[in-house]
Amino acid sequence: HLPGRYELTELHPVGTYAVGAAWADGHNTGIYTW
């Protein structure tokens, strides 16, 4: 649980089926389908 874990820094579209999220702790591999 690094600092910035719950600080959302970016949302970006992934095709037409999902959104990707980037977090202040550097994590950015989650792809959230609709």
Full PDB file with SEQRES, HELIX, SHEET, SSBOND, CRYST1, ORIGX, SCALE, CONECT and MASTER records, all heavy atoms in Angstrom:
SEQRES   1 A   34  HIS LEU PRO GLY ARG TYR GLU LEU THR GLU LEU HIS PRO          
SEQRES   2 A   34  VAL GLY THR TYR ALA VAL GLY ALA ALA TRP ALA ASP GLY          
SEQRES   3 A   34  HIS ASN THR GLY ILE TYR THR TRP                              
SHEET    1 AA1 3 LEU A   8  VAL A  14  0                                        
SHEET    2 AA1 3 ALA A  18  TRP A  23 -1                                        
SHEET    3 AA1 3 ILE A  31  THR A  33 -1                                        
CRYST1    1.000    1.000    1.000  90.00  90.00  90.00 P 1           1          
ORIGX1      1.000000  0.000000  0.000000        0.00000                         
ORIGX2      0.000000  1.000000  0.000000        0.00000                         
ORIGX3      0.000000  0.000000  1.000000        0.00000                         
SCALE1      1.000000  0.000000  0.000000        0.00000                         
SCALE2      0.000000  1.000000  0.000000        0.00000                         
SCALE3      0.000000  0.000000  1.000000        0.00000                         
ATOM      1  N   HIS A   1       0.861  -1.185   0.000  1.00  0.00           N  
ATOM      2  CA  HIS A   1       0.000   0.000   0.000  1.00  0.00           C  
ATOM      3  C   HIS A   1       0.897   1.234   0.000  1.00  0.00           C  
ATOM      4  O   HIS A   1       1.232   1.771   1.048  1.00  0.00           O  
ATOM      5  CB  HIS A   1      -0.945  -0.018   1.206  1.00  0.00           C  
ATOM      6  CG  HIS A   1      -2.032  -1.023   1.057  1.00  0.00           C  
ATOM      7  ND1 HIS A   1      -3.271  -0.713   0.585  1.00  0.00           N  
ATOM      8  CD2 HIS A   1      -2.045  -2.355   1.274  1.00  0.00           C  
ATOM      9  CE1 HIS A   1      -4.024  -1.792   0.528  1.00  0.00           C  
ATOM     10  NE2 HIS A   1      -3.294  -2.806   0.935  1.00  0.00           N  
ATOM     11  N   LEU A   2       1.259   1.644  -1.199  1.00  0.00           N  
ATOM     12  CA  LEU A   2       2.148   2.784  -1.368  1.00  0.00           C  
ATOM     13  C   LEU A   2       1.363   4.089  -1.342  1.00  0.00           C  
ATOM     14  O   LEU A   2       0.165   4.101  -1.647  1.00  0.00           O  
ATOM     15  CB  LEU A   2       2.885   2.659  -2.704  1.00  0.00           C  
ATOM     16  CG  LEU A   2       3.733   1.399  -2.884  1.00  0.00           C  
ATOM     17  CD1 LEU A   2       4.252   1.318  -4.317  1.00  0.00           C  
ATOM     18  CD2 LEU A   2       4.872   1.382  -1.887  1.00  0.00           C  
ATOM     19  N   PRO A   3       2.029   5.196  -1.020  1.00  0.00           N  
ATOM     20  CA  PRO A   3       1.348   6.493  -1.087  1.00  0.00           C  
ATOM     21  C   PRO A   3       0.807   6.712  -2.498  1.00  0.00           C  
ATOM     22  O   PRO A   3       1.457   6.371  -3.489  1.00  0.00           O  
ATOM     23  CB  PRO A   3       2.458   7.500  -0.768  1.00  0.00           C  
ATOM     24  CG  PRO A   3       3.483   6.713  -0.013  1.00  0.00           C  
ATOM     25  CD  PRO A   3       3.407   5.318  -0.562  1.00  0.00           C  
ATOM     26  N   GLY A   4      -0.392   7.257  -2.596  1.00  0.00           N  
ATOM     27  CA  GLY A   4      -1.023   7.503  -3.887  1.00  0.00           C  
ATOM     28  C   GLY A   4      -1.854   6.345  -4.400  1.00  0.00           C  
ATOM     29  O   GLY A   4      -2.399   6.408  -5.495  1.00  0.00           O  
ATOM     30  N   ARG A   5      -1.978   5.288  -3.612  1.00  0.00           N  
ATOM     31  CA  ARG A   5      -2.715   4.093  -4.037  1.00  0.00           C  
ATOM     32  C   ARG A   5      -4.139   4.423  -4.472  1.00  0.00           C  
ATOM     33  O   ARG A   5      -4.645   3.841  -5.418  1.00  0.00           O  
ATOM     34  CB  ARG A   5      -2.737   3.071  -2.902  1.00  0.00           C  
ATOM     35  CG  ARG A   5      -3.541   1.820  -3.247  1.00  0.00           C  
ATOM     36  CD  ARG A   5      -3.469   0.785  -2.130  1.00  0.00           C  
ATOM     37  NE  ARG A   5      -4.310  -0.351  -2.405  1.00  0.00           N  
ATOM     38  CZ  ARG A   5      -3.979  -1.384  -3.170  1.00  0.00           C  
ATOM     39  NH1 ARG A   5      -2.795  -1.415  -3.734  1.00  0.00           N  
ATOM     40  NH2 ARG A   5      -4.812  -2.379  -3.366  1.00  0.00           N  
ATOM     41  N   TYR A   6      -4.808   5.334  -3.792  1.00  0.00           N  
ATOM     42  CA  TYR A   6      -6.199   5.648  -4.099  1.00  0.00           C  
ATOM     43  C   TYR A   6      -6.362   7.002  -4.794  1.00  0.00           C  
ATOM     44  O   TYR A   6      -7.437   7.549  -4.838  1.00  0.00           O  
ATOM     45  CB  TYR A   6      -7.042   5.587  -2.830  1.00  0.00           C  
ATOM     46  CG  TYR A   6      -7.032   4.204  -2.207  1.00  0.00           C  
ATOM     47  CD1 TYR A   6      -6.512   3.983  -0.945  1.00  0.00           C  
ATOM     48  CD2 TYR A   6      -7.539   3.114  -2.905  1.00  0.00           C  
ATOM     49  CE1 TYR A   6      -6.492   2.715  -0.389  1.00  0.00           C  
ATOM     50  CE2 TYR A   6      -7.526   1.837  -2.353  1.00  0.00           C  
ATOM     51  CZ  TYR A   6      -6.996   1.646  -1.102  1.00  0.00           C  
ATOM     52  OH  TYR A   6      -6.987   0.391  -0.564  1.00  0.00           O  
ATOM     53  N   GLU A   7      -5.262   7.519  -5.350  1.00  0.00           N  
ATOM     54  CA  GLU A   7      -5.318   8.797  -6.060  1.00  0.00           C  
ATOM     55  C   GLU A   7      -5.307   8.511  -7.569  1.00  0.00           C  
ATOM     56  O   GLU A   7      -4.271   8.197  -8.154  1.00  0.00           O  
ATOM     57  CB  GLU A   7      -4.116   9.651  -5.668  1.00  0.00           C  
ATOM     58  CG  GLU A   7      -4.147  11.027  -6.271  1.00  0.00           C  
ATOM     59  CD  GLU A   7      -2.910  11.831  -5.892  1.00  0.00           C  
ATOM     60  OE1 GLU A   7      -2.320  11.590  -4.819  1.00  0.00           O  
ATOM     61  OE2 GLU A   7      -2.550  12.705  -6.685  1.00  0.00           O  
ATOM     62  N   LEU A   8      -6.468   8.611  -8.179  1.00  0.00           N  
ATOM     63  CA  LEU A   8      -6.628   8.358  -9.601  1.00  0.00           C  
ATOM     64  C   LEU A   8      -6.039   9.526 -10.388  1.00  0.00           C  
ATOM     65  O   LEU A   8      -6.429  10.671 -10.184  1.00  0.00           O  
ATOM     66  CB  LEU A   8      -8.112   8.183  -9.930  1.00  0.00           C  
ATOM     67  CG  LEU A   8      -8.483   7.847 -11.367  1.00  0.00           C  
ATOM     68  CD1 LEU A   8      -7.909   6.492 -11.774  1.00  0.00           C  
ATOM     69  CD2 LEU A   8      -9.999   7.832 -11.511  1.00  0.00           C  
ATOM     70  N   THR A   9      -5.084   9.245 -11.266  1.00  0.00           N  
ATOM     71  CA  THR A   9      -4.447  10.310 -12.036  1.00  0.00           C  
ATOM     72  C   THR A   9      -4.919  10.371 -13.480  1.00  0.00           C  
ATOM     73  O   THR A   9      -4.815  11.417 -14.112  1.00  0.00           O  
ATOM     74  CB  THR A   9      -2.909  10.160 -12.027  1.00  0.00           C  
ATOM     75  OG1 THR A   9      -2.559   8.886 -12.589  1.00  0.00           O  
ATOM     76  CG2 THR A   9      -2.363  10.279 -10.611  1.00  0.00           C  
ATOM     77  N   GLU A  10      -5.435   9.261 -14.006  1.00  0.00           N  
ATOM     78  CA  GLU A  10      -5.836   9.254 -15.414  1.00  0.00           C  
ATOM     79  C   GLU A  10      -6.821   8.133 -15.700  1.00  0.00           C  
ATOM     80  O   GLU A  10      -6.727   7.049 -15.132  1.00  0.00           O  
ATOM     81  CB  GLU A  10      -4.604   9.051 -16.295  1.00  0.00           C  
ATOM     82  CG  GLU A  10      -4.896   8.989 -17.775  1.00  0.00           C  
ATOM     83  CD  GLU A  10      -3.681   8.599 -18.601  1.00  0.00           C  
ATOM     84  OE1 GLU A  10      -2.555   8.594 -18.076  1.00  0.00           O  
ATOM     85  OE2 GLU A  10      -3.880   8.285 -19.776  1.00  0.00           O  
ATOM     86  N   LEU A  11      -7.761   8.421 -16.573  1.00  0.00           N  
ATOM     87  CA  LEU A  11      -8.628   7.412 -17.185  1.00  0.00           C  
ATOM     88  C   LEU A  11      -8.428   7.525 -18.686  1.00  0.00           C  
ATOM     89  O   LEU A  11      -8.355   8.634 -19.211  1.00  0.00           O  
ATOM     90  CB  LEU A  11     -10.100   7.668 -16.850  1.00  0.00           C  
ATOM     91  CG  LEU A  11     -10.539   7.420 -15.419  1.00  0.00           C  
ATOM     92  CD1 LEU A  11     -11.973   7.898 -15.227  1.00  0.00           C  
ATOM     93  CD2 LEU A  11     -10.429   5.940 -15.079  1.00  0.00           C  
ATOM     94  N   HIS A  12      -8.311   6.392 -19.357  1.00  0.00           N  
ATOM     95  CA  HIS A  12      -8.150   6.432 -20.805  1.00  0.00           C  
ATOM     96  C   HIS A  12      -8.960   5.301 -21.441  1.00  0.00           C  
ATOM     97  O   HIS A  12      -9.085   4.216 -20.863  1.00  0.00           O  
ATOM     98  CB  HIS A  12      -6.675   6.342 -21.204  1.00  0.00           C  
ATOM     99  CG  HIS A  12      -5.980   5.138 -20.650  1.00  0.00           C  
ATOM    100  ND1 HIS A  12      -5.428   5.105 -19.396  1.00  0.00           N  
ATOM    101  CD2 HIS A  12      -5.784   3.911 -21.178  1.00  0.00           C  
ATOM    102  CE1 HIS A  12      -4.907   3.910 -19.176  1.00  0.00           C  
ATOM    103  NE2 HIS A  12      -5.106   3.168 -20.239  1.00  0.00           N  
ATOM    104  N   PRO A  13      -9.542   5.566 -22.615  1.00  0.00           N  
ATOM    105  CA  PRO A  13     -10.345   4.530 -23.262  1.00  0.00           C  
ATOM    106  C   PRO A  13      -9.486   3.363 -23.716  1.00  0.00           C  
ATOM    107  O   PRO A  13      -8.329   3.533 -24.104  1.00  0.00           O  
ATOM    108  CB  PRO A  13     -10.966   5.250 -24.459  1.00  0.00           C  
ATOM    109  CG  PRO A  13     -10.160   6.465 -24.672  1.00  0.00           C  
ATOM    110  CD  PRO A  13      -9.487   6.799 -23.384  1.00  0.00           C  
ATOM    111  N   VAL A  14     -10.073   2.178 -23.647  1.00  0.00           N  
ATOM    112  CA  VAL A  14      -9.452   0.969 -24.175  1.00  0.00           C  
ATOM    113  C   VAL A  14     -10.452   0.406 -25.176  1.00  0.00           C  
ATOM    114  O   VAL A  14     -11.469  -0.178 -24.793  1.00  0.00           O  
ATOM    115  CB  VAL A  14      -9.152  -0.064 -23.057  1.00  0.00           C  
ATOM    116  CG1 VAL A  14      -8.576  -1.337 -23.652  1.00  0.00           C  
ATOM    117  CG2 VAL A  14      -8.210   0.528 -22.016  1.00  0.00           C  
ATOM    118  N   GLY A  15     -10.191   0.642 -26.439  1.00  0.00           N  
ATOM    119  CA  GLY A  15     -11.130   0.241 -27.483  1.00  0.00           C  
ATOM    120  C   GLY A  15     -12.499   0.854 -27.228  1.00  0.00           C  
ATOM    121  O   GLY A  15     -12.609   1.994 -26.782  1.00  0.00           O  
ATOM    122  N   THR A  16     -13.534   0.071 -27.498  1.00  0.00           N  
ATOM    123  CA  THR A  16     -14.908   0.528 -27.263  1.00  0.00           C  
ATOM    124  C   THR A  16     -15.564  -0.271 -26.148  1.00  0.00           C  
ATOM    125  O   THR A  16     -16.780  -0.230 -26.001  1.00  0.00           O  
ATOM    126  CB  THR A  16     -15.745   0.381 -28.537  1.00  0.00           C  
ATOM    127  OG1 THR A  16     -15.739  -0.998 -28.933  1.00  0.00           O  
ATOM    128  CG2 THR A  16     -15.210   1.246 -29.661  1.00  0.00           C  
ATOM    129  N   TYR A  17     -14.758  -0.977 -25.349  1.00  0.00           N  
ATOM    130  CA  TYR A  17     -15.318  -1.882 -24.356  1.00  0.00           C  
ATOM    131  C   TYR A  17     -14.847  -1.655 -22.928  1.00  0.00           C  
ATOM    132  O   TYR A  17     -15.335  -2.302 -21.996  1.00  0.00           O  
ATOM    133  CB  TYR A  17     -15.004  -3.329 -24.739  1.00  0.00           C  
ATOM    134  CG  TYR A  17     -13.534  -3.680 -24.612  1.00  0.00           C  
ATOM    135  CD1 TYR A  17     -13.057  -4.308 -23.464  1.00  0.00           C  
ATOM    136  CD2 TYR A  17     -12.621  -3.369 -25.606  1.00  0.00           C  
ATOM    137  CE1 TYR A  17     -11.725  -4.620 -23.325  1.00  0.00           C  
ATOM    138  CE2 TYR A  17     -11.295  -3.677 -25.486  1.00  0.00           C  
ATOM    139  CZ  TYR A  17     -10.842  -4.310 -24.344  1.00  0.00           C  
ATOM    140  OH  TYR A  17      -9.511  -4.601 -24.211  1.00  0.00           O  
ATOM    141  N   ALA A  18     -13.913  -0.719 -22.703  1.00  0.00           N  
ATOM    142  CA  ALA A  18     -13.339  -0.601 -21.365  1.00  0.00           C  
ATOM    143  C   ALA A  18     -12.659   0.754 -21.176  1.00  0.00           C  
ATOM    144  O   ALA A  18     -12.523   1.549 -22.105  1.00  0.00           O  
ATOM    145  CB  ALA A  18     -12.322  -1.717 -21.141  1.00  0.00           C  
ATOM    146  N   VAL A  19     -12.208   0.956 -19.939  1.00  0.00           N  
ATOM    147  CA  VAL A  19     -11.418   2.132 -19.589  1.00  0.00           C  
ATOM    148  C   VAL A  19     -10.222   1.652 -18.765  1.00  0.00           C  
ATOM    149  O   VAL A  19     -10.326   0.716 -17.963  1.00  0.00           O  
ATOM    150  CB  VAL A  19     -12.271   3.175 -18.812  1.00  0.00           C  
ATOM    151  CG1 VAL A  19     -12.725   2.646 -17.471  1.00  0.00           C  
ATOM    152  CG2 VAL A  19     -11.527   4.478 -18.651  1.00  0.00           C  
ATOM    153  N   GLY A  20      -9.075   2.261 -19.018  1.00  0.00           N  
ATOM    154  CA  GLY A  20      -7.880   1.970 -18.236  1.00  0.00           C  
ATOM    155  C   GLY A  20      -7.702   3.052 -17.184  1.00  0.00           C  
ATOM    156  O   GLY A  20      -8.126   4.195 -17.375  1.00  0.00           O  
ATOM    157  N   ALA A  21      -7.074   2.696 -16.085  1.00  0.00           N  
ATOM    158  CA  ALA A  21      -6.867   3.647 -14.993  1.00  0.00           C  
ATOM    159  C   ALA A  21      -5.395   3.697 -14.616  1.00  0.00           C  
ATOM    160  O   ALA A  21      -4.707   2.677 -14.625  1.00  0.00           O  
ATOM    161  CB  ALA A  21      -7.703   3.239 -13.776  1.00  0.00           C  
ATOM    162  N   ALA A  22      -4.930   4.895 -14.287  1.00  0.00           N  
ATOM    163  CA  ALA A  22      -3.576   5.089 -13.772  1.00  0.00           C  
ATOM    164  C   ALA A  22      -3.682   5.742 -12.400  1.00  0.00           C  
ATOM    165  O   ALA A  22      -4.546   6.593 -12.172  1.00  0.00           O  
ATOM    166  CB  ALA A  22      -2.762   5.959 -14.720  1.00  0.00           C  
ATOM    167  N   TRP A  23      -2.816   5.314 -11.509  1.00  0.00           N  
ATOM    168  CA  TRP A  23      -2.847   5.763 -10.118  1.00  0.00           C  
ATOM    169  C   TRP A  23      -1.541   6.432  -9.742  1.00  0.00           C  
ATOM    170  O   TRP A  23      -0.495   6.166 -10.335  1.00  0.00           O  
ATOM    171  CB  TRP A  23      -3.118   4.560  -9.206  1.00  0.00           C  
ATOM    172  CG  TRP A  23      -4.396   3.869  -9.545  1.00  0.00           C  
ATOM    173  CD1 TRP A  23      -4.563   2.844 -10.423  1.00  0.00           C  
ATOM    174  CD2 TRP A  23      -5.701   4.176  -9.051  1.00  0.00           C  
ATOM    175  NE1 TRP A  23      -5.887   2.497 -10.500  1.00  0.00           N  
ATOM    176  CE2 TRP A  23      -6.611   3.290  -9.662  1.00  0.00           C  
ATOM    177  CE3 TRP A  23      -6.196   5.117  -8.145  1.00  0.00           C  
ATOM    178  CZ2 TRP A  23      -7.973   3.326  -9.395  1.00  0.00           C  
ATOM    179  CZ3 TRP A  23      -7.550   5.147  -7.876  1.00  0.00           C  
ATOM    180  CH2 TRP A  23      -8.420   4.254  -8.495  1.00  0.00           C  
ATOM    181  N   ALA A  24      -1.585   7.288  -8.725  1.00  0.00           N  
ATOM    182  CA  ALA A  24      -0.416   8.061  -8.307  1.00  0.00           C  
ATOM    183  C   ALA A  24       0.720   7.195  -7.775  1.00  0.00           C  
ATOM    184  O   ALA A  24       1.860   7.641  -7.732  1.00  0.00           O  
ATOM    185  CB  ALA A  24      -0.814   9.107  -7.265  1.00  0.00           C  
ATOM    186  N   ASP A  25       0.445   5.944  -7.408  1.00  0.00           N  
ATOM    187  CA  ASP A  25       1.519   5.064  -6.943  1.00  0.00           C  
ATOM    188  C   ASP A  25       2.224   4.356  -8.105  1.00  0.00           C  
ATOM    189  O   ASP A  25       3.095   3.522  -7.891  1.00  0.00           O  
ATOM    190  CB  ASP A  25       0.995   4.049  -5.928  1.00  0.00           C  
ATOM    191  CG  ASP A  25       0.020   3.039  -6.514  1.00  0.00           C  
ATOM    192  OD1 ASP A  25      -0.372   3.175  -7.701  1.00  0.00           O  
ATOM    193  OD2 ASP A  25      -0.373   2.107  -5.790  1.00  0.00           O  
ATOM    194  N   GLY A  26       1.847   4.683  -9.344  1.00  0.00           N  
ATOM    195  CA  GLY A  26       2.500   4.108 -10.513  1.00  0.00           C  
ATOM    196  C   GLY A  26       1.765   2.936 -11.147  1.00  0.00           C  
ATOM    197  O   GLY A  26       2.104   2.507 -12.242  1.00  0.00           O  
ATOM    198  N   HIS A  27       0.747   2.420 -10.482  1.00  0.00           N  
ATOM    199  CA  HIS A  27       0.002   1.288 -11.045  1.00  0.00           C  
ATOM    200  C   HIS A  27      -0.859   1.773 -12.209  1.00  0.00           C  
ATOM    201  O   HIS A  27      -1.551   2.783 -12.101  1.00  0.00           O  
ATOM    202  CB  HIS A  27      -0.887   0.664  -9.961  1.00  0.00           C  
ATOM    203  CG  HIS A  27      -1.622  -0.548 -10.428  1.00  0.00           C  
ATOM    204  ND1 HIS A  27      -0.980  -1.710 -10.754  1.00  0.00           N  
ATOM    205  CD2 HIS A  27      -2.929  -0.766 -10.640  1.00  0.00           C  
ATOM    206  CE1 HIS A  27      -1.872  -2.608 -11.138  1.00  0.00           C  
ATOM    207  NE2 HIS A  27      -3.071  -2.058 -11.082  1.00  0.00           N  
ATOM    208  N   ASN A  28      -0.812   1.032 -13.341  1.00  0.00           N  
ATOM    209  CA  ASN A  28      -1.572   1.478 -14.511  1.00  0.00           C  
ATOM    210  C   ASN A  28      -1.978   0.337 -15.444  1.00  0.00           C  
ATOM    211  O   ASN A  28      -2.214   0.558 -16.626  1.00  0.00           O  
ATOM    212  CB  ASN A  28      -0.787   2.532 -15.294  1.00  0.00           C  
ATOM    213  CG  ASN A  28       0.494   1.974 -15.885  1.00  0.00           C  
ATOM    214  OD1 ASN A  28       0.816   0.808 -15.720  1.00  0.00           O  
ATOM    215  ND2 ASN A  28       1.241   2.813 -16.564  1.00  0.00           N  
ATOM    216  N   THR A  29      -2.076  -0.878 -14.935  1.00  0.00           N  
ATOM    217  CA  THR A  29      -2.364  -2.021 -15.816  1.00  0.00           C  
ATOM    218  C   THR A  29      -3.802  -2.509 -15.752  1.00  0.00           C  
ATOM    219  O   THR A  29      -4.156  -3.434 -16.473  1.00  0.00           O  
ATOM    220  CB  THR A  29      -1.423  -3.196 -15.516  1.00  0.00           C  
ATOM    221  OG1 THR A  29      -1.547  -3.546 -14.134  1.00  0.00           O  
ATOM    222  CG2 THR A  29       0.024  -2.830 -15.825  1.00  0.00           C  
ATOM    223  N   GLY A  30      -4.636  -1.900 -14.927  1.00  0.00           N  
ATOM    224  CA  GLY A  30      -6.027  -2.343 -14.813  1.00  0.00           C  
ATOM    225  C   GLY A  30      -6.874  -1.886 -15.989  1.00  0.00           C  
ATOM    226  O   GLY A  30      -6.867  -0.710 -16.348  1.00  0.00           O  
ATOM    227  N   ILE A  31      -7.582  -2.813 -16.610  1.00  0.00           N  
ATOM    228  CA  ILE A  31      -8.526  -2.499 -17.687  1.00  0.00           C  
ATOM    229  C   ILE A  31      -9.912  -2.889 -17.182  1.00  0.00           C  
ATOM    230  O   ILE A  31     -10.200  -4.062 -16.975  1.00  0.00           O  
ATOM    231  CB  ILE A  31      -8.175  -3.246 -18.981  1.00  0.00           C  
ATOM    232  CG1 ILE A  31      -6.799  -2.788 -19.483  1.00  0.00           C  
ATOM    233  CG2 ILE A  31      -9.246  -3.025 -20.041  1.00  0.00           C  
ATOM    234  CD1 ILE A  31      -6.300  -3.559 -20.681  1.00  0.00           C  
ATOM    235  N   TYR A  32     -10.747  -1.882 -16.967  1.00  0.00           N  
ATOM    236  CA  TYR A  32     -12.081  -2.073 -16.408  1.00  0.00           C  
ATOM    237  C   TYR A  32     -13.099  -2.126 -17.545  1.00  0.00           C  
ATOM    238  O   TYR A  32     -13.393  -1.109 -18.174  1.00  0.00           O  
ATOM    239  CB  TYR A  32     -12.432  -0.912 -15.473  1.00  0.00           C  
ATOM    240  CG  TYR A  32     -11.547  -0.799 -14.259  1.00  0.00           C  
ATOM    241  CD1 TYR A  32     -10.269  -0.247 -14.339  1.00  0.00           C  
ATOM    242  CD2 TYR A  32     -11.993  -1.225 -13.013  1.00  0.00           C  
ATOM    243  CE1 TYR A  32      -9.464  -0.134 -13.225  1.00  0.00           C  
ATOM    244  CE2 TYR A  32     -11.194  -1.113 -11.890  1.00  0.00           C  
ATOM    245  CZ  TYR A  32      -9.933  -0.568 -12.005  1.00  0.00           C  
ATOM    246  OH  TYR A  32      -9.140  -0.447 -10.886  1.00  0.00           O  
ATOM    247  N   THR A  33     -13.618  -3.319 -17.828  1.00  0.00           N  
ATOM    248  CA  THR A  33     -14.640  -3.440 -18.868  1.00  0.00           C  
ATOM    249  C   THR A  33     -15.919  -2.769 -18.385  1.00  0.00           C  
ATOM    250  O   THR A  33     -16.112  -2.541 -17.187  1.00  0.00           O  
ATOM    251  CB  THR A  33     -14.956  -4.909 -19.182  1.00  0.00           C  
ATOM    252  OG1 THR A  33     -15.519  -5.528 -18.017  1.00  0.00           O  
ATOM    253  CG2 THR A  33     -13.719  -5.660 -19.657  1.00  0.00           C  
ATOM    254  N   TRP A  34     -16.808  -2.458 -19.338  1.00  0.00           N  
ATOM    255  CA  TRP A  34     -18.089  -1.845 -18.963  1.00  0.00           C  
ATOM    256  C   TRP A  34     -18.846  -2.764 -18.017  1.00  0.00           C  
ATOM    257  O   TRP A  34     -19.465  -2.286 -17.060  1.00  0.00           O  
ATOM    258  CB  TRP A  34     -18.931  -1.537 -20.192  1.00  0.00           C  
ATOM    259  CG  TRP A  34     -18.307  -0.654 -21.231  1.00  0.00           C  
ATOM    260  CD1 TRP A  34     -18.562  -0.707 -22.565  1.00  0.00           C  
ATOM    261  CD2 TRP A  34     -17.372   0.418 -21.065  1.00  0.00           C  
ATOM    262  NE1 TRP A  34     -17.831   0.261 -23.236  1.00  0.00           N  
ATOM    263  CE2 TRP A  34     -17.091   0.969 -22.327  1.00  0.00           C  
ATOM    264  CE3 TRP A  34     -16.723   0.969 -19.960  1.00  0.00           C  
ATOM    265  CZ2 TRP A  34     -16.220   2.027 -22.529  1.00  0.00           C  
ATOM    266  CZ3 TRP A  34     -15.843   2.032 -20.158  1.00  0.00           C  
ATOM    267  CH2 TRP A  34     -15.606   2.555 -21.407  1.00  0.00           C  
TER     268      TRP A  34                                                      
MASTER        0    0    0    0    3    0    0    6  267    1    0    3          
END                                                                             
